[in-house]
Amino acid sequence: MPAQTVAPSPSVSEAGAGAGYWTRLLPLLAVLACVTRIPSFTRPLWNPDEGYLAVQAGMLAHGGELYGTVVDRKPPLVPWLYQAAFALAGPESLTSVRILAVLAQLATAVALASLARRRWGDTAGRTAGVLYLLISVGLNPEDAQAAAFEVFILPCTAAAMWCADRRRWGAAGLAVGCAFLAKQTGGAVLLPVLWLCGARRDGPVRVIAGAAAPVLAAALVTDPAGFLFWTVTGSGTYASLGGSVLHIAGRALGNAAILAVACAGFLPSLVRNRHAARTGTTDLWLWLAASAGAVAVGLHFFGHYYLQLLPPLALLATAALRALPRDRLPGPVLATACCCALFLTWGLLAPSTELDHARRLADAAAHRTGPGERVLFWGMHPEAYWLAGRTPASRYLTAGLLTNYSGGRDGTRTGEPYAVEGGWTVFREELATHPPALIVDDSRGKPYAPDRLPSLRRLLAAGYEEAGTVDGAVLYERAGRRGRA
């Protein structure tokens, strides 16, 4: 399979005038990266993924073991980033990880600008970097502004393509491995990287070896069997067709439509000049196709999954815009900037209904328990532990891990039989060893309600008394314990 690469023109060599080029471009990209992430700093949390990561980081800092007493269906890189950020700046806020997210977006933009400049010249480099940052906010703010897994995939995937474009196969593989360690779907960039290897005998071997190295290292540093289970083999029930097909299809189309609005400034040019965008860009189309496959894996189509589409889209748009007369180039860029402004306004004005709900639950738990007591929030809001400052009673921070519930499920494959393997055995042992002082049932009629789960129902009946409600959630205190309310 031949690779289609574009050799750098002498006129766009990164030597000589390159220093002046980057001296002018880097400040612009840095300002754009900061401006497009302003909404992320305006609230303590954007979505449950941030809350989950914050709680994981706290558990790790207090002696928890990843894939042992601290679990999730994700690789370890982002939990480690949160843990490191909290160690440096404290766990009271997510400001430190939000700054890391800004740096991740800036690094991605710089890599894309360098890729485009090497292939098509100085103007293309500026266009690619600016376009990427402008569309980086083009989703629901809770998806685009959160400092969660996908944001940290992006610089790794861009670095993989940057290295492969320069035939640095080992480094490209290393970046692929790091992308996988941010989230499994980051490994999709392996496809275009291997395409760029073409028929070079040692290229694929060096790429695969480079990708395997950080993954194997992470497995050895944690627990090899646990790492394999939680990142690869233990997600079969989650990645299934169960649930409401119409609901899932609606989410897929809805998030695609939102992203199309963000890209509306250059999509017409991409369609009209598709021939220019196809010439010498097979690897970029493969990158986009592989990223689309990553979005579809698991059939959930959450908005933040779509972030992986943005880097190849920005480069393909840059390729198409090269066909425009120079005086017409500012038009699509300006239109994209206007769309970016709309999404930034949305981010600044977006309601925080679910965050407010989690805060009320956290306040109730903090009021009724002491700092050293354990709490169980039975629901899909792990951020409540972090907001309350209370230790989780279980390693399973959401009901989803014990019932297979997630957005789009209609209950047909939700319940104890669909939990992670051995989950309920471990859960019962945890609660027997360290009974939580308070259990907050936040199911609110969802398919994971206690009346549909025999083990949880028996636990509540045997040792807990109903102690009131908060915002639709039911509070259960351990029997014989006087509440603090």
Protein backbone atom coordinates (compact mmCIF):
# COMPACT_ATOMS: atom_id res chain seq x y z
CA MET A 1 0.00 0.00 0.00
CA PRO A 2 1.78 3.19 -1.07
CA ALA A 3 1.83 6.15 1.28
CA GLN A 4 0.90 9.55 -0.07
CA THR A 5 3.13 12.13 1.54
CA VAL A 6 3.98 15.63 0.48
CA ALA A 7 7.64 16.53 0.59
CA PRO A 8 8.39 19.94 2.10
CA SER A 9 9.15 22.65 -0.37
CA PRO A 10 12.45 24.49 0.08
CA SER A 11 10.46 27.70 0.31
CA VAL A 12 8.73 26.49 3.45
CA SER A 13 11.72 24.92 5.15
CA GLU A 14 11.51 25.32 8.90
CA ALA A 15 15.13 26.45 9.05
CA GLY A 16 16.20 30.07 8.76
CA ALA A 17 13.01 32.09 8.61
CA GLY A 18 11.27 29.46 10.77
CA ALA A 19 12.23 31.16 14.02
CA GLY A 20 10.56 34.40 12.98
CA TYR A 21 7.52 32.55 11.74
CA TRP A 22 6.96 30.80 15.07
CA THR A 23 7.76 33.92 17.07
CA ARG A 24 4.78 35.57 15.39
CA LEU A 25 2.45 32.57 15.32
CA LEU A 26 2.93 31.07 18.78
CA PRO A 27 1.63 34.13 20.71
CA LEU A 28 -1.47 34.20 18.48
CA LEU A 29 -2.18 30.53 19.06
CA ALA A 30 -1.53 30.88 22.80
CA VAL A 31 -4.02 33.75 23.07
CA LEU A 32 -6.61 31.81 21.07
CA ALA A 33 -6.10 28.71 23.22
CA CYS A 34 -6.67 30.77 26.37
CA VAL A 35 -9.70 32.63 25.00
CA THR A 36 -11.44 29.50 23.74
CA ARG A 37 -11.03 27.86 27.17
CA ILE A 38 -12.33 30.80 29.23
CA PRO A 39 -15.71 29.15 29.95
CA SER A 40 -13.97 26.10 31.41
CA PHE A 41 -12.80 28.21 34.36
CA THR A 42 -16.25 29.60 35.17
CA ARG A 43 -17.64 26.64 37.11
CA PRO A 44 -16.14 23.99 39.41
CA LEU A 45 -17.16 21.05 37.19
CA TRP A 46 -18.48 20.56 33.68
CA ASN A 47 -19.47 16.91 33.59
CA PRO A 48 -19.32 13.68 35.63
CA ASP A 49 -16.10 12.59 33.90
CA GLU A 50 -14.26 15.47 35.57
CA GLY A 51 -15.84 14.48 38.87
CA TYR A 52 -14.86 10.85 38.42
CA LEU A 53 -11.26 11.81 37.66
CA ALA A 54 -11.11 14.17 40.65
CA VAL A 55 -12.34 11.44 43.01
CA GLN A 56 -9.92 8.91 41.49
CA ALA A 57 -7.02 11.32 41.98
CA GLY A 58 -7.97 11.76 45.63
CA MET A 59 -8.18 8.01 46.18
CA LEU A 60 -4.78 7.48 44.51
CA ALA A 61 -3.23 10.22 46.64
CA HIS A 62 -4.41 8.39 49.77
CA GLY A 63 -2.89 5.05 48.87
CA GLY A 64 -5.39 3.68 46.37
CA GLU A 65 -4.16 1.26 43.71
CA LEU A 66 -5.19 1.79 40.10
CA TYR A 67 -7.15 -1.21 38.77
CA GLY A 68 -7.25 -2.51 42.34
CA THR A 69 -9.04 -0.26 44.79
CA VAL A 70 -9.40 2.51 42.16
CA VAL A 71 -11.15 1.39 38.99
CA ASP A 72 -12.59 2.69 35.74
CA ARG A 73 -12.88 1.49 32.15
CA LYS A 74 -10.13 3.90 31.11
CA PRO A 75 -6.33 3.78 30.79
CA PRO A 76 -4.25 5.49 33.49
CA LEU A 77 -2.76 8.59 31.86
CA VAL A 78 -5.49 11.12 32.67
CA PRO A 79 -6.03 9.94 36.28
CA TRP A 80 -2.28 10.31 36.76
CA LEU A 81 -2.40 13.82 35.28
CA TYR A 82 -5.14 14.76 37.75
CA GLN A 83 -3.19 13.23 40.63
CA ALA A 84 -0.05 15.16 39.66
CA ALA A 85 -1.98 18.42 39.25
CA PHE A 86 -3.62 18.00 42.66
CA ALA A 87 -0.26 17.21 44.26
CA LEU A 88 1.14 20.50 42.94
CA ALA A 89 -1.85 22.80 43.34
CA GLY A 90 -4.17 21.07 45.80
CA PRO A 91 -7.40 19.11 45.25
CA GLU A 92 -9.80 21.90 46.15
CA SER A 93 -10.37 23.02 42.54
CA LEU A 94 -9.79 21.85 38.99
CA THR A 95 -7.98 25.02 37.94
CA SER A 96 -4.68 23.16 37.61
CA VAL A 97 -6.08 20.53 35.25
CA ARG A 98 -7.95 23.21 33.31
CA ILE A 99 -4.57 24.87 32.69
CA LEU A 100 -3.25 21.51 31.48
CA ALA A 101 -6.20 21.35 29.08
CA VAL A 102 -5.29 24.78 27.68
CA LEU A 103 -1.74 23.56 27.12
CA ALA A 104 -3.03 20.38 25.47
CA GLN A 105 -5.11 22.40 23.00
CA LEU A 106 -2.20 24.73 22.30
CA ALA A 107 0.15 21.78 21.69
CA THR A 108 -2.38 20.26 19.30
CA ALA A 109 -2.73 23.52 17.37
CA VAL A 110 1.04 23.93 17.11
CA ALA A 111 1.50 20.39 15.80
CA LEU A 112 -1.23 20.89 13.20
CA ALA A 113 0.22 24.23 12.14
CA SER A 114 3.63 22.62 11.70
CA LEU A 115 2.14 19.76 9.68
CA ALA A 116 0.26 22.11 7.38
CA ARG A 117 3.23 24.44 6.96
CA ARG A 118 5.55 21.61 5.99
CA ARG A 119 3.10 20.44 3.34
CA TRP A 120 1.58 23.62 1.98
CA GLY A 121 3.45 26.69 3.20
CA ASP A 122 3.39 29.44 5.81
CA THR A 123 -0.18 30.62 5.22
CA ALA A 124 -1.53 27.08 5.48
CA GLY A 125 0.29 26.61 8.76
CA ARG A 126 -1.32 29.69 10.27
CA THR A 127 -4.72 28.68 8.90
CA ALA A 128 -4.59 25.15 10.31
CA GLY A 129 -3.57 26.26 13.80
CA VAL A 130 -6.17 29.02 13.98
CA LEU A 131 -8.99 26.94 12.49
CA TYR A 132 -8.38 24.13 14.92
CA LEU A 133 -8.63 26.36 17.98
CA LEU A 134 -11.73 28.09 16.63
CA ILE A 135 -13.60 24.80 16.15
CA SER A 136 -12.25 23.24 19.35
CA VAL A 137 -15.24 24.65 21.26
CA GLY A 138 -17.79 23.51 18.69
CA LEU A 139 -19.83 21.15 20.86
CA ASN A 140 -22.08 21.33 23.88
CA PRO A 141 -19.99 23.22 26.49
CA GLU A 142 -20.05 20.29 28.90
CA ASP A 143 -18.28 18.27 26.19
CA ALA A 144 -15.96 20.92 24.75
CA GLN A 145 -14.90 22.70 27.96
CA ALA A 146 -14.36 19.75 30.30
CA ALA A 147 -10.77 18.77 31.10
CA ALA A 148 -11.48 15.11 30.48
CA PHE A 149 -10.11 12.21 28.49
CA GLU A 150 -10.57 13.34 24.89
CA VAL A 151 -8.84 16.69 25.36
CA PHE A 152 -5.66 14.86 26.34
CA ILE A 153 -5.94 12.42 23.44
CA LEU A 154 -5.62 15.24 20.90
CA PRO A 155 -2.00 16.40 21.37
CA CYS A 156 -0.89 12.76 21.33
CA THR A 157 -2.67 11.98 18.05
CA ALA A 158 -1.40 15.21 16.46
CA ALA A 159 2.13 14.37 17.63
CA ALA A 160 1.82 10.89 16.14
CA MET A 161 0.95 12.32 12.72
CA TRP A 162 3.64 15.00 13.00
CA CYS A 163 6.32 12.39 13.70
CA ALA A 164 5.06 10.03 11.00
CA ASP A 165 5.06 12.88 8.48
CA ARG A 166 8.78 13.25 9.22
CA ARG A 167 9.37 9.48 9.13
CA ARG A 168 10.24 9.33 12.79
CA TRP A 169 8.56 5.97 13.18
CA GLY A 170 9.57 5.11 16.72
CA ALA A 171 8.48 8.49 18.04
CA ALA A 172 5.21 8.22 16.08
CA GLY A 173 4.52 4.86 17.71
CA LEU A 174 5.32 6.28 21.14
CA ALA A 175 2.75 9.05 20.55
CA VAL A 176 0.18 6.45 19.45
CA GLY A 177 0.78 4.55 22.69
CA CYS A 178 0.33 7.73 24.73
CA ALA A 179 -2.92 8.48 22.87
CA PHE A 180 -4.18 5.00 23.81
CA LEU A 181 -3.17 5.61 27.43
CA ALA A 182 -5.28 8.78 27.46
CA LYS A 183 -8.27 6.79 26.17
CA GLN A 184 -8.47 3.57 24.21
CA THR A 185 -9.99 5.23 21.15
CA GLY A 186 -6.88 7.38 20.82
CA GLY A 187 -5.21 4.32 19.33
CA ALA A 188 -7.25 4.86 16.15
CA VAL A 189 -4.50 7.18 14.89
CA LEU A 190 -2.38 4.05 14.34
CA LEU A 191 -4.16 3.50 10.99
CA PRO A 192 -2.98 6.72 9.24
CA VAL A 193 0.44 6.39 10.85
CA LEU A 194 0.87 2.91 9.36
CA TRP A 195 -0.35 4.24 6.00
CA LEU A 196 2.42 6.81 6.05
CA CYS A 197 4.90 3.99 6.65
CA GLY A 198 3.90 2.57 3.27
CA ALA A 199 6.15 -0.22 2.09
CA ARG A 200 9.09 0.76 4.24
CA ARG A 201 10.23 -2.48 5.79
CA ASP A 202 11.26 -1.23 9.21
CA GLY A 203 8.61 1.50 9.58
CA PRO A 204 5.64 -0.58 10.79
CA VAL A 205 7.84 -2.59 13.16
CA ARG A 206 9.21 0.56 14.75
CA VAL A 207 5.74 2.09 15.00
CA ILE A 208 4.27 -1.00 16.69
CA ALA A 209 7.24 -1.30 19.04
CA GLY A 210 7.02 2.38 19.93
CA ALA A 211 3.28 2.13 20.61
CA ALA A 212 3.65 -1.00 22.71
CA ALA A 213 6.38 0.40 24.95
CA PRO A 214 4.34 2.94 27.01
CA VAL A 215 1.31 0.63 27.12
CA LEU A 216 3.34 -2.27 28.50
CA ALA A 217 5.08 0.06 30.93
CA ALA A 218 1.72 1.32 32.24
CA ALA A 219 0.47 -2.25 32.63
CA LEU A 220 3.56 -3.23 34.62
CA VAL A 221 3.45 -0.14 36.81
CA THR A 222 -0.19 -0.80 37.74
CA ASP A 223 -1.42 -4.40 37.61
CA PRO A 224 -1.09 -6.26 34.29
CA ALA A 225 -4.20 -8.41 34.75
CA GLY A 226 -6.26 -5.51 36.08
CA PHE A 227 -5.00 -3.19 33.35
CA LEU A 228 -6.00 -5.69 30.65
CA PHE A 229 -9.43 -6.28 32.19
CA TRP A 230 -10.38 -2.66 32.80
CA THR A 231 -9.03 -1.22 29.56
CA VAL A 232 -9.78 -4.01 27.08
CA THR A 233 -11.63 -7.18 28.04
CA GLY A 234 -14.02 -5.93 30.71
CA SER A 235 -16.16 -3.59 28.62
CA GLY A 236 -18.15 -6.05 26.52
CA THR A 237 -21.53 -5.28 28.05
CA TYR A 238 -20.91 -1.51 27.85
CA ALA A 239 -20.07 -1.62 24.13
CA SER A 240 -23.28 -3.31 23.06
CA LEU A 241 -26.41 -2.65 21.02
CA GLY A 242 -28.67 -2.69 24.07
CA GLY A 243 -30.74 0.41 24.68
CA SER A 244 -32.98 2.78 22.78
CA VAL A 245 -31.86 2.84 19.15
CA LEU A 246 -33.82 6.02 18.47
CA HIS A 247 -32.31 7.76 21.46
CA ILE A 248 -28.78 6.78 20.44
CA ALA A 249 -29.37 7.74 16.80
CA GLY A 250 -30.79 11.08 17.89
CA ARG A 251 -27.74 11.79 20.02
CA ALA A 252 -25.39 10.82 17.18
CA LEU A 253 -27.13 13.09 14.69
CA GLY A 254 -27.60 15.89 17.20
CA ASN A 255 -23.93 16.09 18.14
CA ALA A 256 -22.93 15.83 14.49
CA ALA A 257 -25.25 18.75 13.71
CA ILE A 258 -23.76 20.85 16.53
CA LEU A 259 -20.27 20.19 15.20
CA ALA A 260 -21.41 21.06 11.67
CA VAL A 261 -22.52 24.47 12.95
CA ALA A 262 -19.05 25.06 14.39
CA CYS A 263 -17.51 24.12 11.02
CA ALA A 264 -20.08 25.96 8.90
CA GLY A 265 -17.55 28.62 7.93
CA PHE A 266 -15.39 26.22 5.93
CA LEU A 267 -17.62 23.22 5.13
CA PRO A 268 -18.89 24.81 1.86
CA SER A 269 -15.30 25.35 0.72
CA LEU A 270 -14.41 21.78 1.71
CA VAL A 271 -17.28 20.45 -0.43
CA ARG A 272 -16.64 22.75 -3.40
CA ASN A 273 -12.89 22.19 -3.38
CA ARG A 274 -12.98 18.52 -2.43
CA HIS A 275 -10.56 17.67 -5.24
CA ALA A 276 -7.92 19.96 -3.72
CA ALA A 277 -8.64 18.48 -0.30
CA ARG A 278 -8.12 14.96 -1.69
CA THR A 279 -4.81 15.58 -3.44
CA GLY A 280 -1.97 14.20 -1.33
CA THR A 281 -4.15 13.95 1.77
CA THR A 282 -5.04 10.25 1.87
CA ASP A 283 -3.48 9.94 5.31
CA LEU A 284 -5.64 12.81 6.59
CA TRP A 285 -8.83 11.23 5.25
CA LEU A 286 -7.79 7.95 6.89
CA TRP A 287 -7.21 9.87 10.11
CA LEU A 288 -10.71 11.34 9.87
CA ALA A 289 -12.24 7.93 9.05
CA ALA A 290 -10.40 6.24 11.91
CA SER A 291 -11.53 9.00 14.28
CA ALA A 292 -15.12 8.58 13.09
CA GLY A 293 -14.82 4.88 13.86
CA ALA A 294 -13.58 5.78 17.33
CA VAL A 295 -16.63 8.00 17.82
CA ALA A 296 -18.92 5.12 16.87
CA VAL A 297 -17.26 2.44 19.03
CA GLY A 298 -19.62 1.47 21.84
CA LEU A 299 -22.59 3.08 20.08
CA HIS A 300 -23.04 5.84 22.65
CA PHE A 301 -22.08 8.92 20.60
CA PHE A 302 -21.51 11.26 23.52
CA GLY A 303 -20.55 14.75 22.42
CA HIS A 304 -17.01 14.67 23.77
CA TYR A 305 -16.27 11.65 21.55
CA TYR A 306 -16.49 14.00 18.55
CA LEU A 307 -13.43 15.97 19.67
CA GLN A 308 -11.24 13.39 17.93
CA LEU A 309 -12.63 14.53 14.58
CA LEU A 310 -11.36 18.07 14.93
CA PRO A 311 -7.62 17.81 14.12
CA PRO A 312 -8.06 16.01 10.76
CA LEU A 313 -11.01 18.26 9.93
CA ALA A 314 -8.88 21.36 10.49
CA LEU A 315 -6.14 20.04 8.21
CA LEU A 316 -8.55 18.96 5.46
CA ALA A 317 -10.25 22.34 5.62
CA THR A 318 -6.85 23.99 5.28
CA ALA A 319 -6.11 21.88 2.20
CA ALA A 320 -9.42 22.88 0.62
CA LEU A 321 -9.03 26.58 1.43
CA ARG A 322 -5.73 26.66 -0.46
CA ALA A 323 -7.77 26.58 -3.67
CA LEU A 324 -9.35 29.94 -2.81
CA PRO A 325 -7.83 33.22 -4.04
CA ARG A 326 -5.73 34.72 -1.27
CA ASP A 327 -8.09 37.66 -0.79
CA ARG A 328 -11.01 35.26 -0.14
CA LEU A 329 -9.31 33.22 2.56
CA PRO A 330 -10.24 35.54 5.45
CA GLY A 331 -13.95 34.97 4.76
CA PRO A 332 -14.20 31.32 5.92
CA VAL A 333 -11.83 32.00 8.80
CA LEU A 334 -13.91 34.98 9.94
CA ALA A 335 -17.13 32.97 9.63
CA THR A 336 -15.57 30.21 11.75
CA ALA A 337 -14.53 32.83 14.30
CA CYS A 338 -18.14 34.05 14.50
CA CYS A 339 -19.34 30.50 15.11
CA CYS A 340 -16.67 30.16 17.78
CA ALA A 341 -17.99 33.29 19.47
CA LEU A 342 -21.48 31.76 19.56
CA PHE A 343 -20.18 28.62 21.26
CA LEU A 344 -18.17 30.66 23.75
CA THR A 345 -21.30 32.63 24.61
CA TRP A 346 -23.17 29.36 25.05
CA GLY A 347 -20.42 28.16 27.38
CA LEU A 348 -20.61 31.29 29.50
CA LEU A 349 -24.40 31.23 29.74
CA ALA A 350 -25.08 27.47 29.86
CA PRO A 351 -27.26 26.36 32.79
CA SER A 352 -25.71 24.13 35.45
CA THR A 353 -28.76 22.05 36.41
CA GLU A 354 -26.99 18.73 37.00
CA LEU A 355 -24.09 20.40 38.79
CA ASP A 356 -26.54 22.17 41.09
CA HIS A 357 -28.22 18.83 41.80
CA ALA A 358 -24.88 17.20 42.66
CA ARG A 359 -24.04 20.14 44.92
CA ARG A 360 -27.29 19.75 46.86
CA LEU A 361 -26.61 16.05 47.36
CA ALA A 362 -23.04 16.79 48.43
CA ASP A 363 -24.17 19.46 50.89
CA ALA A 364 -26.67 17.05 52.44
CA ALA A 365 -24.06 14.31 52.77
CA ALA A 366 -21.50 16.71 54.27
CA HIS A 367 -24.07 17.95 56.77
CA ARG A 368 -25.13 14.47 57.90
CA THR A 369 -21.68 12.83 58.12
CA GLY A 370 -18.28 13.56 59.61
CA PRO A 371 -15.09 14.05 57.56
CA GLY A 372 -13.85 10.55 58.43
CA GLU A 373 -17.07 8.75 57.54
CA ARG A 374 -17.73 6.95 54.27
CA VAL A 375 -20.63 7.73 51.96
CA LEU A 376 -22.21 5.90 49.04
CA PHE A 377 -23.80 7.97 46.29
CA TRP A 378 -25.85 5.46 44.31
CA GLY A 379 -26.21 7.20 40.97
CA MET A 380 -24.29 8.68 38.06
CA HIS A 381 -22.79 11.73 39.79
CA PRO A 382 -19.37 10.74 41.19
CA GLU A 383 -18.53 14.43 41.52
CA ALA A 384 -20.72 14.47 44.65
CA TYR A 385 -17.93 12.72 46.58
CA TRP A 386 -15.46 15.44 45.60
CA LEU A 387 -17.90 18.26 46.32
CA ALA A 388 -18.80 16.76 49.71
CA GLY A 389 -15.20 15.98 50.67
CA ARG A 390 -16.19 12.46 51.70
CA THR A 391 -14.50 9.11 51.11
CA PRO A 392 -16.38 6.76 48.75
CA ALA A 393 -17.64 3.57 50.40
CA SER A 394 -16.80 1.59 47.27
CA ARG A 395 -14.29 1.55 44.42
CA TYR A 396 -17.31 1.63 42.07
CA LEU A 397 -17.98 5.35 41.88
CA THR A 398 -21.10 5.12 39.72
CA ALA A 399 -24.04 2.76 39.52
CA GLY A 400 -23.12 2.20 35.88
CA LEU A 401 -20.24 -0.13 36.70
CA LEU A 402 -22.56 -2.36 38.74
CA THR A 403 -25.59 -2.25 36.43
CA ASN A 404 -24.26 -1.39 32.93
CA TYR A 405 -26.44 1.70 32.91
CA SER A 406 -25.38 4.62 30.74
CA GLY A 407 -27.11 7.24 28.67
CA GLY A 408 -29.38 5.65 26.08
CA ARG A 409 -30.04 2.42 27.96
CA ASP A 410 -33.70 1.50 28.23
CA GLY A 411 -33.28 -1.11 30.95
CA THR A 412 -33.18 -4.19 28.71
CA ARG A 413 -29.49 -4.81 29.53
CA THR A 414 -29.31 -2.99 32.85
CA GLY A 415 -29.10 -4.74 36.19
CA GLU A 416 -26.94 -6.95 38.36
CA PRO A 417 -26.33 -9.62 35.66
CA TYR A 418 -24.70 -6.97 33.44
CA ALA A 419 -22.25 -5.59 36.03
CA VAL A 420 -18.51 -5.82 35.58
CA GLU A 421 -17.33 -9.34 36.30
CA GLY A 422 -17.21 -9.99 40.06
CA GLY A 423 -18.45 -6.48 40.78
CA TRP A 424 -21.26 -7.30 43.16
CA THR A 425 -19.14 -9.71 45.18
CA VAL A 426 -16.51 -7.03 45.71
CA PHE A 427 -19.19 -4.40 46.38
CA ARG A 428 -20.86 -6.47 49.10
CA GLU A 429 -17.50 -7.15 50.74
CA GLU A 430 -16.60 -3.45 50.71
CA LEU A 431 -19.85 -2.39 52.33
CA ALA A 432 -19.65 -5.18 54.91
CA THR A 433 -16.07 -4.22 55.86
CA HIS A 434 -16.66 -0.45 55.91
CA PRO A 435 -20.43 0.21 56.12
CA PRO A 436 -21.18 3.71 54.81
CA ALA A 437 -22.69 6.09 57.32
CA LEU A 438 -25.00 7.41 54.61
CA ILE A 439 -26.34 6.00 51.35
CA VAL A 440 -27.82 8.46 48.87
CA ASP A 441 -30.13 6.76 46.38
CA ASP A 442 -30.01 9.11 43.41
CA SER A 443 -31.66 6.72 40.93
CA ARG A 444 -34.81 8.88 40.62
CA GLY A 445 -36.75 6.25 38.67
CA LYS A 446 -33.86 5.12 36.50
CA PRO A 447 -33.34 1.41 35.64
CA TYR A 448 -30.73 1.08 38.40
CA ALA A 449 -33.18 1.87 41.23
CA PRO A 450 -32.76 -0.33 44.36
CA ASP A 451 -36.14 -1.99 43.86
CA ARG A 452 -34.71 -3.57 40.70
CA LEU A 453 -31.48 -4.71 42.36
CA PRO A 454 -31.95 -7.49 44.95
CA SER A 455 -28.52 -7.12 46.54
CA LEU A 456 -28.85 -3.40 47.15
CA ARG A 457 -32.45 -3.75 48.26
CA ARG A 458 -31.46 -6.35 50.89
CA LEU A 459 -28.57 -4.17 52.07
CA LEU A 460 -30.84 -1.18 52.64
CA ALA A 461 -33.51 -3.26 54.37
CA ALA A 462 -31.06 -4.95 56.72
CA GLY A 463 -29.05 -2.02 58.00
CA TYR A 464 -30.43 1.38 56.96
CA GLU A 465 -33.32 3.70 57.74
CA GLU A 466 -34.80 6.27 55.42
CA ALA A 467 -33.79 9.74 56.62
CA GLY A 468 -35.39 12.11 54.13
CA THR A 469 -35.10 13.26 50.56
CA VAL A 470 -33.04 15.87 48.73
CA ASP A 471 -33.94 17.00 45.24
CA GLY A 472 -35.64 13.66 44.48
CA ALA A 473 -32.83 11.54 45.95
CA VAL A 474 -33.56 9.38 49.02
CA LEU A 475 -31.19 9.45 52.00
CA TYR A 476 -30.56 6.31 54.07
CA GLU A 477 -28.66 6.47 57.37
CA ARG A 478 -27.13 3.44 59.00
CA ALA A 479 -29.53 2.00 61.57
CA GLY A 480 -28.89 3.16 65.12
CA ARG A 481 -26.80 6.12 64.04
CA ARG A 482 -28.00 9.57 65.04
CA GLY A 483 -27.81 11.99 62.09
CA ARG A 484 -26.10 15.31 62.30
CA ALA A 485 -28.98 17.23 60.72
